[in-house]
PDB file of N, CA and C in Angstrom:
ATOM      1  N   MET A   1      85.157  11.503  24.224  1.00  0.00           N
ATOM      2  CA  MET A   1      86.529  11.494  24.811  1.00  0.00           C
ATOM      3  C   MET A   1      86.389  11.506  26.274  1.00  0.00           C
ATOM      4  N   CYS A   2      85.438  12.279  27.003  1.00  0.00           N
ATOM      5  CA  CYS A   2      85.390  12.207  28.472  1.00  0.00           C
ATOM      6  C   CYS A   2      84.767  10.776  28.925  1.00  0.00           C
ATOM      7  N   THR A   3      84.036  10.275  28.007  1.00  0.00           N
ATOM      8  CA  THR A   3      83.399   8.858  28.436  1.00  0.00           C
ATOM      9  C   THR A   3      84.546   7.884  28.395  1.00  0.00           C
ATOM     10  N   MET A   4      85.507   8.048  27.491  1.00  0.00           N
ATOM     11  CA  MET A   4      86.626   7.026  27.413  1.00  0.00           C
ATOM     12  C   MET A   4      87.455   7.204  28.675  1.00  0.00           C
ATOM     13  N   ARG A   5      87.645   8.324  29.140  1.00  0.00           N
ATOM     14  CA  ARG A   5      88.519   8.560  30.297  1.00  0.00           C
ATOM     15  C   ARG A   5      87.829   8.032  31.601  1.00  0.00           C
ATOM     16  N   VAL A   6      86.585   8.121  31.623  1.00  0.00           N
ATOM     17  CA  VAL A   6      85.745   7.619  32.737  1.00  0.00           C
ATOM     18  C   VAL A   6      85.784   6.042  32.851  1.00  0.00           C
ATOM     19  N   LEU A   7      85.598   5.452  31.684  1.00  0.00           N
ATOM     20  CA  LEU A   7      85.762   4.088  31.444  1.00  0.00           C
ATOM     21  C   LEU A   7      87.198   3.573  31.760  1.00  0.00           C
ATOM     22  N   LEU A   8      88.199   4.188  31.401  1.00  0.00           N
ATOM     23  CA  LEU A   8      89.591   3.807  31.722  1.00  0.00           C
ATOM     24  C   LEU A   8      89.630   3.907  33.140  1.00  0.00           C
ATOM     25  N   CYS A   9      89.295   4.965  33.842  1.00  0.00           N
ATOM     26  CA  CYS A   9      89.343   5.109  35.362  1.00  0.00           C
ATOM     27  C   CYS A   9      88.643   3.999  36.097  1.00  0.00           C
ATOM     28  N   LEU A  10      87.496   3.634  35.544  1.00  0.00           N
ATOM     29  CA  LEU A  10      86.756   2.568  36.250  1.00  0.00           C
ATOM     30  C   LEU A  10      87.407   1.163  36.033  1.00  0.00           C
ATOM     31  N   ALA A  11      88.041   1.001  34.856  1.00  0.00           N
ATOM     32  CA  ALA A  11      88.781  -0.275  34.596  1.00  0.00           C
ATOM     33  C   ALA A  11      89.956  -0.386  35.525  1.00  0.00           C
ATOM     34  N   VAL A  12      90.607   0.639  35.719  1.00  0.00           N
ATOM     35  CA  VAL A  12      91.955   0.689  36.633  1.00  0.00           C
ATOM     36  C   VAL A  12      91.404   0.386  38.064  1.00  0.00           C
ATOM     37  N   LEU A  13      90.393   1.067  38.407  1.00  0.00           N
ATOM     38  CA  LEU A  13      89.791   0.881  39.784  1.00  0.00           C
ATOM     39  C   LEU A  13      89.439  -0.637  40.045  1.00  0.00           C
ATOM     40  N   ALA A  14      88.847  -1.184  39.052  1.00  0.00           N
ATOM     41  CA  ALA A  14      88.487  -2.586  39.138  1.00  0.00           C
ATOM     42  C   ALA A  14      89.642  -3.551  39.183  1.00  0.00           C
ATOM     43  N   ILE A  15      90.597  -3.263  38.485  1.00  0.00           N
ATOM     44  CA  ILE A  15      91.842  -4.077  38.486  1.00  0.00           C
ATOM     45  C   ILE A  15      92.382  -3.923  39.910  1.00  0.00           C
ATOM     46  N   CYS A  16      92.519  -2.710  40.420  1.00  0.00           N
ATOM     47  CA  CYS A  16      93.187  -2.482  41.742  1.00  0.00           C
ATOM     48  C   CYS A  16      92.357  -3.248  42.819  1.00  0.00           C
ATOM     49  N   ALA A  17      90.966  -3.266  42.790  1.00  0.00           N
ATOM     50  CA  ALA A  17      90.142  -3.888  43.701  1.00  0.00           C
ATOM     51  C   ALA A  17      90.405  -5.343  43.718  1.00  0.00           C
ATOM     52  N   MET A  18      90.467  -5.909  42.487  1.00  0.00           N
ATOM     53  CA  MET A  18      90.700  -7.309  42.367  1.00  0.00           C
ATOM     54  C   MET A  18      92.074  -7.831  42.994  1.00  0.00           C
ATOM     55  N   GLY A  19      93.079  -6.851  42.750  1.00  0.00           N
ATOM     56  CA  GLY A  19      94.377  -7.234  43.256  1.00  0.00           C
ATOM     57  C   GLY A  19      94.371  -7.211  44.774  1.00  0.00           C
ATOM     58  N   THR A  20      93.714  -6.280  45.281  1.00  0.00           N
ATOM     59  CA  THR A  20      93.645  -6.186  46.827  1.00  0.00           C
ATOM     60  C   THR A  20      92.894  -7.300  47.404  1.00  0.00           C
ATOM     61  N   ALA A  21      91.841  -7.835  46.680  1.00  0.00           N
ATOM     62  CA  ALA A  21      91.075  -8.948  47.192  1.00  0.00           C
ATOM     63  C   ALA A  21      91.917 -10.239  47.079  1.00  0.00           C
ATOM     64  N   SER A  22      92.692 -10.285  46.063  1.00  0.00           N
ATOM     65  CA  SER A  22      93.366 -11.536  46.110  1.00  0.00           C
ATOM     66  C   SER A  22      94.572 -11.617  47.040  1.00  0.00           C
ATOM     67  N   THR A  23      95.278 -10.584  47.268  1.00  0.00           N
ATOM     68  CA  THR A  23      96.313 -10.487  48.214  1.00  0.00           C
ATOM     69  C   THR A  23      95.838 -10.555  49.685  1.00  0.00           C
ATOM     70  N   GLY A  24      94.594 -10.259  49.899  1.00  0.00           N
ATOM     71  CA  GLY A  24      94.029 -10.367  51.111  1.00  0.00           C
ATOM     72  C   GLY A  24      93.754 -11.836  51.620  1.00  0.00           C
ATOM     73  N   LYS A  25      93.811 -12.724  50.717  1.00  0.00           N
ATOM     74  CA  LYS A  25      93.476 -14.084  50.998  1.00  0.00           C
ATOM     75  C   LYS A  25      94.393 -14.575  52.170  1.00  0.00           C
ATOM     76  N   PHE A  26      95.774 -14.170  52.157  1.00  0.00           N
ATOM     77  CA  PHE A  26      96.612 -14.785  53.117  1.00  0.00           C
ATOM     78  C   PHE A  26      96.827 -13.935  54.468  1.00  0.00           C
ATOM     79  N   SER A  27      96.080 -12.795  54.504  1.00  0.00           N
ATOM     80  CA  SER A  27      96.245 -11.892  55.720  1.00  0.00           C
ATOM     81  C   SER A  27      96.012 -12.626  57.051  1.00  0.00           C
ATOM     82  N   THR A  28      95.102 -13.569  56.934  1.00  0.00           N
ATOM     83  CA  THR A  28      94.787 -14.214  58.255  1.00  0.00           C
ATOM     84  C   THR A  28      95.093 -15.728  58.217  1.00  0.00           C
ATOM     85  N   CYS A  29      96.184 -16.109  57.650  1.00  0.00           N
ATOM     86  CA  CYS A  29      96.716 -17.480  57.812  1.00  0.00           C
ATOM     87  C   CYS A  29      97.916 -17.542  58.427  1.00  0.00           C
ATOM     88  N   CYS A  30      98.294 -18.668  58.902  1.00  0.00           N
ATOM     89  CA  CYS A  30      99.511 -18.899  59.668  1.00  0.00           C
ATOM     90  C   CYS A  30     100.647 -19.391  58.605  1.00  0.00           C
ATOM     91  N   THR A  31     101.780 -18.584  58.582  1.00  0.00           N
ATOM     92  CA  THR A  31     102.771 -19.111  57.671  1.00  0.00           C
ATOM     93  C   THR A  31     103.867 -19.772  58.475  1.00  0.00           C
ATOM     94  N   GLN A  32     103.714 -19.653  59.812  1.00  0.00           N
ATOM     95  CA  GLN A  32     104.764 -20.424  60.694  1.00  0.00           C
ATOM     96  C   GLN A  32     104.133 -20.732  61.998  1.00  0.00           C
ATOM     97  N   VAL A  33     104.531 -21.723  62.611  1.00  0.00           N
ATOM     98  CA  VAL A  33     103.842 -22.142  63.973  1.00  0.00           C
ATOM     99  C   VAL A  33     104.956 -22.100  65.039  1.00  0.00           C
ATOM    100  N   SER A  34     104.344 -22.098  66.233  1.00  0.00           N
ATOM    101  CA  SER A  34     105.135 -22.070  67.437  1.00  0.00           C
ATOM    102  C   SER A  34     104.680 -23.274  68.274  1.00  0.00           C
ATOM    103  N   SER A  35     105.574 -23.862  69.159  1.00  0.00           N
ATOM    104  CA  SER A  35     105.215 -24.964  69.999  1.00  0.00           C
ATOM    105  C   SER A  35     104.988 -24.272  71.399  1.00  0.00           C
ATOM    106  N   ALA A  36     105.420 -23.000  71.497  1.00  0.00           N
ATOM    107  CA  ALA A  36     105.195 -22.381  72.864  1.00  0.00           C
ATOM    108  C   ALA A  36     103.775 -22.210  73.191  1.00  0.00           C
ATOM    109  N   LYS A  37     103.514 -22.370  74.588  1.00  0.00           N
ATOM    110  CA  LYS A  37     102.234 -22.157  75.208  1.00  0.00           C
ATOM    111  C   LYS A  37     101.860 -20.680  75.177  1.00  0.00           C
ATOM    112  N   PRO A  38     100.569 -20.339  75.121  1.00  0.00           N
ATOM    113  CA  PRO A  38     100.256 -18.920  75.263  1.00  0.00           C
ATOM    114  C   PRO A  38     100.702 -18.289  76.687  1.00  0.00           C
ATOM    115  N   LYS A  39     100.704 -17.092  76.670  1.00  0.00           N
ATOM    116  CA  LYS A  39     101.184 -16.210  77.902  1.00  0.00           C
ATOM    117  C   LYS A  39     100.054 -16.435  79.006  1.00  0.00           C
ATOM    118  N   PRO A  40     100.471 -16.618  80.252  1.00  0.00           N
ATOM    119  CA  PRO A  40      99.561 -16.739  81.247  1.00  0.00           C
ATOM    120  C   PRO A  40      98.378 -15.575  81.312  1.00  0.00           C
ATOM    121  N   GLY A  41      97.348 -15.909  81.474  1.00  0.00           N
ATOM    122  CA  GLY A  41      96.198 -14.901  81.370  1.00  0.00           C
ATOM    123  C   GLY A  41      95.467 -14.813  80.124  1.00  0.00           C
ATOM    124  N   MET A  42      96.127 -15.291  79.040  1.00  0.00           N
ATOM    125  CA  MET A  42      95.403 -15.287  77.707  1.00  0.00           C
ATOM    126  C   MET A  42      94.197 -16.373  77.702  1.00  0.00           C
ATOM    127  N   VAL A  43      93.177 -15.947  77.301  1.00  0.00           N
ATOM    128  CA  VAL A  43      91.883 -16.810  77.278  1.00  0.00           C
ATOM    129  C   VAL A  43      91.632 -17.235  75.948  1.00  0.00           C
ATOM    130  N   ILE A  44      91.759 -18.549  75.580  1.00  0.00           N
ATOM    131  CA  ILE A  44      91.462 -19.078  74.248  1.00  0.00           C
ATOM    132  C   ILE A  44      90.050 -19.359  74.204  1.00  0.00           C
ATOM    133  N   GLU A  45      89.331 -18.854  73.246  1.00  0.00           N
ATOM    134  CA  GLU A  45      87.923 -19.032  73.032  1.00  0.00           C
ATOM    135  C   GLU A  45      87.472 -20.091  72.025  1.00  0.00           C
ATOM    136  N   ASN A  46      88.333 -20.171  71.121  1.00  0.00           N
ATOM    137  CA  ASN A  46      88.061 -21.100  69.957  1.00  0.00           C
ATOM    138  C   ASN A  46      89.258 -21.404  69.118  1.00  0.00           C
ATOM    139  N   PHE A  47      89.094 -22.328  68.117  1.00  0.00           N
ATOM    140  CA  PHE A  47      90.319 -22.620  67.322  1.00  0.00           C
ATOM    141  C   PHE A  47      89.745 -23.004  65.868  1.00  0.00           C
ATOM    142  N   ILE A  48      90.773 -22.929  64.865  1.00  0.00           N
ATOM    143  CA  ILE A  48      90.434 -23.337  63.635  1.00  0.00           C
ATOM    144  C   ILE A  48      91.726 -24.089  63.099  1.00  0.00           C
ATOM    145  N   ILE A  49      91.382 -25.271  62.526  1.00  0.00           N
ATOM    146  CA  ILE A  49      92.348 -26.142  61.969  1.00  0.00           C
ATOM    147  C   ILE A  49      92.621 -25.626  60.519  1.00  0.00           C
ATOM    148  N   GLN A  50      93.921 -25.234  60.282  1.00  0.00           N
ATOM    149  CA  GLN A  50      94.268 -24.686  59.050  1.00  0.00           C
ATOM    150  C   GLN A  50      95.110 -25.763  58.343  1.00  0.00           C
ATOM    151  N   ASN A  51      94.806 -26.053  57.102  1.00  0.00           N
ATOM    152  CA  ASN A  51      95.490 -27.035  56.214  1.00  0.00           C
ATOM    153  C   ASN A  51      96.452 -26.299  55.484  1.00  0.00           C
ATOM    154  N   GLU A  52      97.509 -27.068  55.013  1.00  0.00           N
ATOM    155  CA  GLU A  52      98.559 -26.386  54.268  1.00  0.00           C
ATOM    156  C   GLU A  52      98.087 -26.011  52.864  1.00  0.00           C
ATOM    157  N   ASP A  53      98.274 -24.656  52.596  1.00  0.00           N
ATOM    158  CA  ASP A  53      98.058 -24.197  51.235  1.00  0.00           C
ATOM    159  C   ASP A  53      98.968 -22.935  51.016  1.00  0.00           C
ATOM    160  N   LEU A  54     100.196 -23.237  50.607  1.00  0.00           N
ATOM    161  CA  LEU A  54     101.291 -22.169  50.539  1.00  0.00           C
ATOM    162  C   LEU A  54     100.776 -20.906  50.212  1.00  0.00           C
ATOM    163  N   PRO A  55     101.184 -19.770  50.881  1.00  0.00           N
ATOM    164  CA  PRO A  55     102.225 -19.890  51.882  1.00  0.00           C
ATOM    165  C   PRO A  55     101.669 -20.320  53.340  1.00  0.00           C
ATOM    166  N   CYS A  56     100.447 -20.557  53.455  1.00  0.00           N
ATOM    167  CA  CYS A  56      99.858 -21.063  54.756  1.00  0.00           C
ATOM    168  C   CYS A  56     100.366 -22.432  54.994  1.00  0.00           C
ATOM    169  N   VAL A  57     100.600 -22.644  56.390  1.00  0.00           N
ATOM    170  CA  VAL A  57     101.209 -23.911  56.745  1.00  0.00           C
ATOM    171  C   VAL A  57     100.125 -24.704  57.597  1.00  0.00           C
ATOM    172  N   HIS A  58     100.295 -26.015  57.846  1.00  0.00           N
ATOM    173  CA  HIS A  58      99.300 -26.760  58.631  1.00  0.00           C
ATOM    174  C   HIS A  58      99.577 -26.288  60.006  1.00  0.00           C
ATOM    175  N   ALA A  59      98.345 -25.877  60.678  1.00  0.00           N
ATOM    176  CA  ALA A  59      98.415 -25.172  61.957  1.00  0.00           C
ATOM    177  C   ALA A  59      97.151 -25.309  62.589  1.00  0.00           C
ATOM    178  N   VAL A  60      97.241 -25.058  63.918  1.00  0.00           N
ATOM    179  CA  VAL A  60      95.932 -24.738  64.701  1.00  0.00           C
ATOM    180  C   VAL A  60      95.913 -23.300  65.097  1.00  0.00           C
ATOM    181  N   MET A  61      94.898 -22.537  64.651  1.00  0.00           N
ATOM    182  CA  MET A  61      94.802 -21.132  64.922  1.00  0.00           C
ATOM    183  C   MET A  61      93.935 -21.037  66.089  1.00  0.00           C
ATOM    184  N   PHE A  62      94.569 -20.680  67.246  1.00  0.00           N
ATOM    185  CA  PHE A  62      93.743 -20.411  68.448  1.00  0.00           C
ATOM    186  C   PHE A  62      93.335 -18.973  68.371  1.00  0.00           C
ATOM    187  N   ILE A  63      92.064 -18.667  68.739  1.00  0.00           N
ATOM    188  CA  ILE A  63      91.453 -17.258  68.782  1.00  0.00           C
ATOM    189  C   ILE A  63      91.265 -16.864  70.260  1.00  0.00           C
ATOM    190  N   THR A  64      91.985 -15.792  70.755  1.00  0.00           N
ATOM    191  CA  THR A  64      91.761 -15.399  71.991  1.00  0.00           C
ATOM    192  C   THR A  64      90.524 -14.486  72.219  1.00  0.00           C
ATOM    193  N   ASN A  65      90.161 -14.233  73.474  1.00  0.00           N
ATOM    194  CA  ASN A  65      89.068 -13.243  73.748  1.00  0.00           C
ATOM    195  C   ASN A  65      89.283 -11.878  73.334  1.00  0.00           C
ATOM    196  N   GLU A  66      90.487 -11.611  72.955  1.00  0.00           N
ATOM    197  CA  GLU A  66      90.747 -10.187  72.399  1.00  0.00           C
ATOM    198  C   GLU A  66      90.887 -10.227  70.890  1.00  0.00           C
ATOM    199  N   GLY A  67      90.544 -11.340  70.381  1.00  0.00           N
ATOM    200  CA  GLY A  67      90.514 -11.401  68.880  1.00  0.00           C
ATOM    201  C   GLY A  67      91.829 -11.796  68.240  1.00  0.00           C
ATOM    202  N   LYS A  68      93.011 -12.053  68.989  1.00  0.00           N
ATOM    203  CA  LYS A  68      94.184 -12.271  68.626  1.00  0.00           C
ATOM    204  C   LYS A  68      94.273 -13.878  68.096  1.00  0.00           C
ATOM    205  N   ILE A  69      95.184 -13.990  67.201  1.00  0.00           N
ATOM    206  CA  ILE A  69      95.284 -15.330  66.590  1.00  0.00           C
ATOM    207  C   ILE A  69      96.764 -15.843  67.100  1.00  0.00           C
ATOM    208  N   ILE A  70      96.758 -17.005  67.518  1.00  0.00           N
ATOM    209  CA  ILE A  70      97.865 -17.687  67.885  1.00  0.00           C
ATOM    210  C   ILE A  70      98.176 -18.900  67.006  1.00  0.00           C
ATOM    211  N   CYS A  71      99.319 -18.950  66.235  1.00  0.00           N
ATOM    212  CA  CYS A  71      99.556 -20.065  65.378  1.00  0.00           C
ATOM    213  C   CYS A  71     100.293 -21.047  66.053  1.00  0.00           C
ATOM    214  N   SER A  72      99.716 -22.244  66.206  1.00  0.00           N
ATOM    215  CA  SER A  72     100.329 -23.411  67.049  1.00  0.00           C
ATOM    216  C   SER A  72     100.538 -24.647  66.134  1.00  0.00           C
ATOM    217  N   SER A  73     101.628 -25.340  66.524  1.00  0.00           N
ATOM    218  CA  SER A  73     101.810 -26.613  65.894  1.00  0.00           C
ATOM    219  C   SER A  73     100.927 -27.670  66.365  1.00  0.00           C
ATOM    220  N   PRO A  74     100.154 -28.260  65.384  1.00  0.00           N
ATOM    221  CA  PRO A  74      99.208 -29.328  65.627  1.00  0.00           C
ATOM    222  C   PRO A  74      99.765 -30.557  66.301  1.00  0.00           C
ATOM    223  N   ASN A  75     100.949 -30.707  66.286  1.00  0.00           N
ATOM    224  CA  ASN A  75     101.760 -31.859  66.877  1.00  0.00           C
ATOM    225  C   ASN A  75     101.941 -31.628  68.484  1.00  0.00           C
ATOM    226  N   SER A  76     101.898 -30.305  68.917  1.00  0.00           N
ATOM    227  CA  SER A  76     102.242 -30.131  70.273  1.00  0.00           C
ATOM    228  C   SER A  76     101.220 -30.726  71.282  1.00  0.00           C
ATOM    229  N   ARG A  77     101.707 -31.356  72.293  1.00  0.00           N
ATOM    230  CA  ARG A  77     100.925 -31.976  73.305  1.00  0.00           C
ATOM    231  C   ARG A  77      99.780 -30.989  73.832  1.00  0.00           C
ATOM    232  N   TRP A  78     100.310 -29.715  74.265  1.00  0.00           N
ATOM    233  CA  TRP A  78      99.393 -28.797  74.873  1.00  0.00           C
ATOM    234  C   TRP A  78      98.328 -28.382  73.895  1.00  0.00           C
ATOM    235  N   VAL A  79      98.705 -28.374  72.508  1.00  0.00           N
ATOM    236  CA  VAL A  79      97.573 -27.896  71.661  1.00  0.00           C
ATOM    237  C   VAL A  79      96.605 -28.971  71.482  1.00  0.00           C
ATOM    238  N   LYS A  80      96.940 -30.331  71.440  1.00  0.00           N
ATOM    239  CA  LYS A  80      95.972 -31.415  71.476  1.00  0.00           C
ATOM    240  C   LYS A  80      95.034 -31.372  72.661  1.00  0.00           C
ATOM    241  N   LEU A  81      95.725 -31.029  73.784  1.00  0.00           N
ATOM    242  CA  LEU A  81      94.862 -31.079  75.009  1.00  0.00           C
ATOM    243  C   LEU A  81      93.886 -29.852  74.994  1.00  0.00           C
ATOM    244  N   LYS A  82      94.337 -28.724  74.550  1.00  0.00           N
ATOM    245  CA  LYS A  82      93.549 -27.449  74.508  1.00  0.00           C
ATOM    246  C   LYS A  82      92.321 -27.700  73.445  1.00  0.00           C
ATOM    247  N   ILE A  83      92.527 -28.412  72.456  1.00  0.00           N
ATOM    248  CA  ILE A  83      91.518 -28.735  71.478  1.00  0.00           C
ATOM    249  C   ILE A  83      90.407 -29.524  72.093  1.00  0.00           C
ATOM    250  N   GLN A  84      90.809 -30.585  72.789  1.00  0.00           N
ATOM    251  CA  GLN A  84      89.985 -31.479  73.572  1.00  0.00           C
ATOM    252  C   GLN A  84      89.149 -30.688  74.551  1.00  0.00           C
ATOM    253  N   GLU A  85      89.738 -29.812  75.232  1.00  0.00           N
ATOM    254  CA  GLU A  85      89.119 -28.928  76.194  1.00  0.00           C
ATOM    255  C   GLU A  85      88.062 -28.077  75.626  1.00  0.00           C
ATOM    256  N   ILE A  86      88.392 -27.421  74.505  1.00  0.00           N
ATOM    257  CA  ILE A  86      87.418 -26.510  73.854  1.00  0.00           C
ATOM    258  C   ILE A  86      86.156 -27.318  73.312  1.00  0.00           C
ATOM    259  N   ARG A  87      86.486 -28.493  72.695  1.00  0.00           N
ATOM    260  CA  ARG A  87      85.339 -29.286  72.177  1.00  0.00           C
ATOM    261  C   ARG A  87      84.381 -29.796  73.233  1.00  0.00           C
TER     262      ARG A  87
END
């Protein structure tokens, strides 16, 4: 009887862990973009081009020196220039 309870608890924990892992997929994706330039003083160190995979949208994810992510429109002129500058 005790073994059955332990197995049941382990099964519930495994299911919860799987649910957390699957919902974590979208925690670092852009669901909307902005055409606004970053604030003065922000240092952009790198970028990632994100393809559309709902709820994520097609975007350029700029990563600042503070580890913040800026979701930008890939069609904005400043975004294209910044990508060329970083490359």
